Amino acid sequence: MNKKIVLVIIISISIVLGLYSYMVLPEVVTVQVDISGNPSNTFPKILAVICPILLSIGGGIGYYFSKDKESKYFILSIFGIIAPIITLLFNI
């Protein structure tokens, strides 16, 4: 598949997830849970929404411009897409 198409898909998914997360998540977001299932680390909502967006867009841009380390940047962008999904599951 063309790298430009993949980059547009990554950016689109991350922005849509970010907007949805911002509308749905509470003001204080649980980002880490301990072994017993209790929240152990929290972030403000804006930080919990912006970090995965920047991670996935940065990984997508690295994937687009990289010649030899494409898979590492692609995995980084996929992690940036999976992270808000997991955050949504823990906080809804």
Protein backbone atom coordinates (compact mmCIF):
# COMPACT_ATOMS: atom_id res chain seq x y z
CA MET A 1 0.00 0.00 0.00
CA ASN A 2 1.17 3.52 -0.71
CA LYS A 3 2.88 5.22 2.25
CA LYS A 4 0.87 8.39 1.75
CA ILE A 5 -2.41 6.49 2.10
CA VAL A 6 -1.17 4.77 5.26
CA LEU A 7 -0.13 8.13 6.73
CA VAL A 8 -3.55 9.67 6.02
CA ILE A 9 -5.29 6.66 7.62
CA ILE A 10 -3.08 6.86 10.73
CA ILE A 11 -3.65 10.60 11.14
CA SER A 12 -7.41 10.27 10.55
CA ILE A 13 -7.85 7.45 13.06
CA SER A 14 -5.77 9.21 15.71
CA ILE A 15 -7.66 12.50 15.34
CA VAL A 16 -11.06 10.78 15.46
CA LEU A 17 -10.03 8.78 18.54
CA GLY A 18 -8.70 11.95 20.15
CA LEU A 19 -11.90 13.89 19.57
CA TYR A 20 -14.04 11.03 20.83
CA SER A 21 -11.81 10.59 23.88
CA TYR A 22 -12.00 14.27 24.70
CA MET A 23 -15.79 14.21 24.60
CA VAL A 24 -16.21 11.01 26.62
CA LEU A 25 -13.40 10.88 29.20
CA PRO A 26 -13.68 12.45 32.67
CA GLU A 27 -11.48 15.40 33.71
CA VAL A 28 -9.05 13.07 35.54
CA VAL A 29 -8.18 9.99 33.49
CA THR A 30 -6.83 6.71 34.87
CA VAL A 31 -3.84 5.69 32.78
CA GLN A 32 -2.36 2.95 34.94
CA VAL A 33 -3.97 0.21 37.02
CA ASP A 34 -2.16 -1.86 39.67
CA ILE A 35 -2.33 -5.63 40.05
CA SER A 36 -5.43 -5.53 42.25
CA GLY A 37 -7.31 -3.41 39.68
CA ASN A 38 -7.16 -0.08 41.52
CA PRO A 39 -6.15 3.11 39.68
CA SER A 40 -2.51 3.86 40.44
CA ASN A 41 -1.72 6.73 38.07
CA THR A 42 -3.90 9.50 36.63
CA PHE A 43 -3.47 12.27 34.06
CA PRO A 44 -5.47 15.38 33.26
CA LYS A 45 -7.82 14.74 30.34
CA ILE A 46 -6.04 17.00 27.86
CA LEU A 47 -2.69 15.27 28.45
CA ALA A 48 -4.25 11.81 28.16
CA VAL A 49 -5.78 12.80 24.82
CA ILE A 50 -2.86 14.71 23.26
CA CYS A 51 -0.01 12.26 24.06
CA PRO A 52 -1.34 9.30 22.01
CA ILE A 53 -2.26 11.62 19.13
CA LEU A 54 1.28 13.02 19.00
CA LEU A 55 2.72 9.52 19.35
CA SER A 56 0.75 8.07 16.45
CA ILE A 57 1.19 11.09 14.15
CA GLY A 58 4.92 11.20 14.93
CA GLY A 59 5.23 7.49 14.22
CA GLY A 60 3.26 7.91 11.00
CA ILE A 61 5.48 10.75 9.81
CA GLY A 62 8.57 8.72 10.72
CA TYR A 63 7.14 5.78 8.77
CA TYR A 64 6.46 7.99 5.77
CA PHE A 65 9.94 9.52 5.58
CA SER A 66 12.02 6.53 6.75
CA LYS A 67 13.75 4.29 4.27
CA ASP A 68 15.16 1.56 6.51
CA LYS A 69 13.32 1.60 9.88
CA GLU A 70 9.76 1.68 8.59
CA SER A 71 8.46 -1.11 10.80
CA LYS A 72 9.64 0.56 14.03
CA TYR A 73 7.83 3.79 13.22
CA PHE A 74 4.73 1.92 12.06
CA ILE A 75 4.60 -0.03 15.35
CA LEU A 76 4.97 3.26 17.23
CA SER A 77 2.01 4.75 15.38
CA ILE A 78 -0.09 1.62 15.98
CA PHE A 79 0.71 1.87 19.70
CA GLY A 80 -0.44 5.49 19.58
CA ILE A 81 -3.76 4.27 18.18
CA ILE A 82 -4.17 1.38 20.65
CA ALA A 83 -3.33 3.47 23.75
CA PRO A 84 -6.47 5.67 23.67
CA ILE A 85 -8.64 2.60 23.06
CA ILE A 86 -7.25 0.98 26.22
CA THR A 87 -7.64 4.28 28.11
CA LEU A 88 -11.28 4.49 27.02
CA LEU A 89 -11.92 0.94 28.20
CA PHE A 90 -10.49 1.64 31.66
CA ASN A 91 -12.34 4.93 32.13
CA ILE A 92 -15.83 4.29 30.80
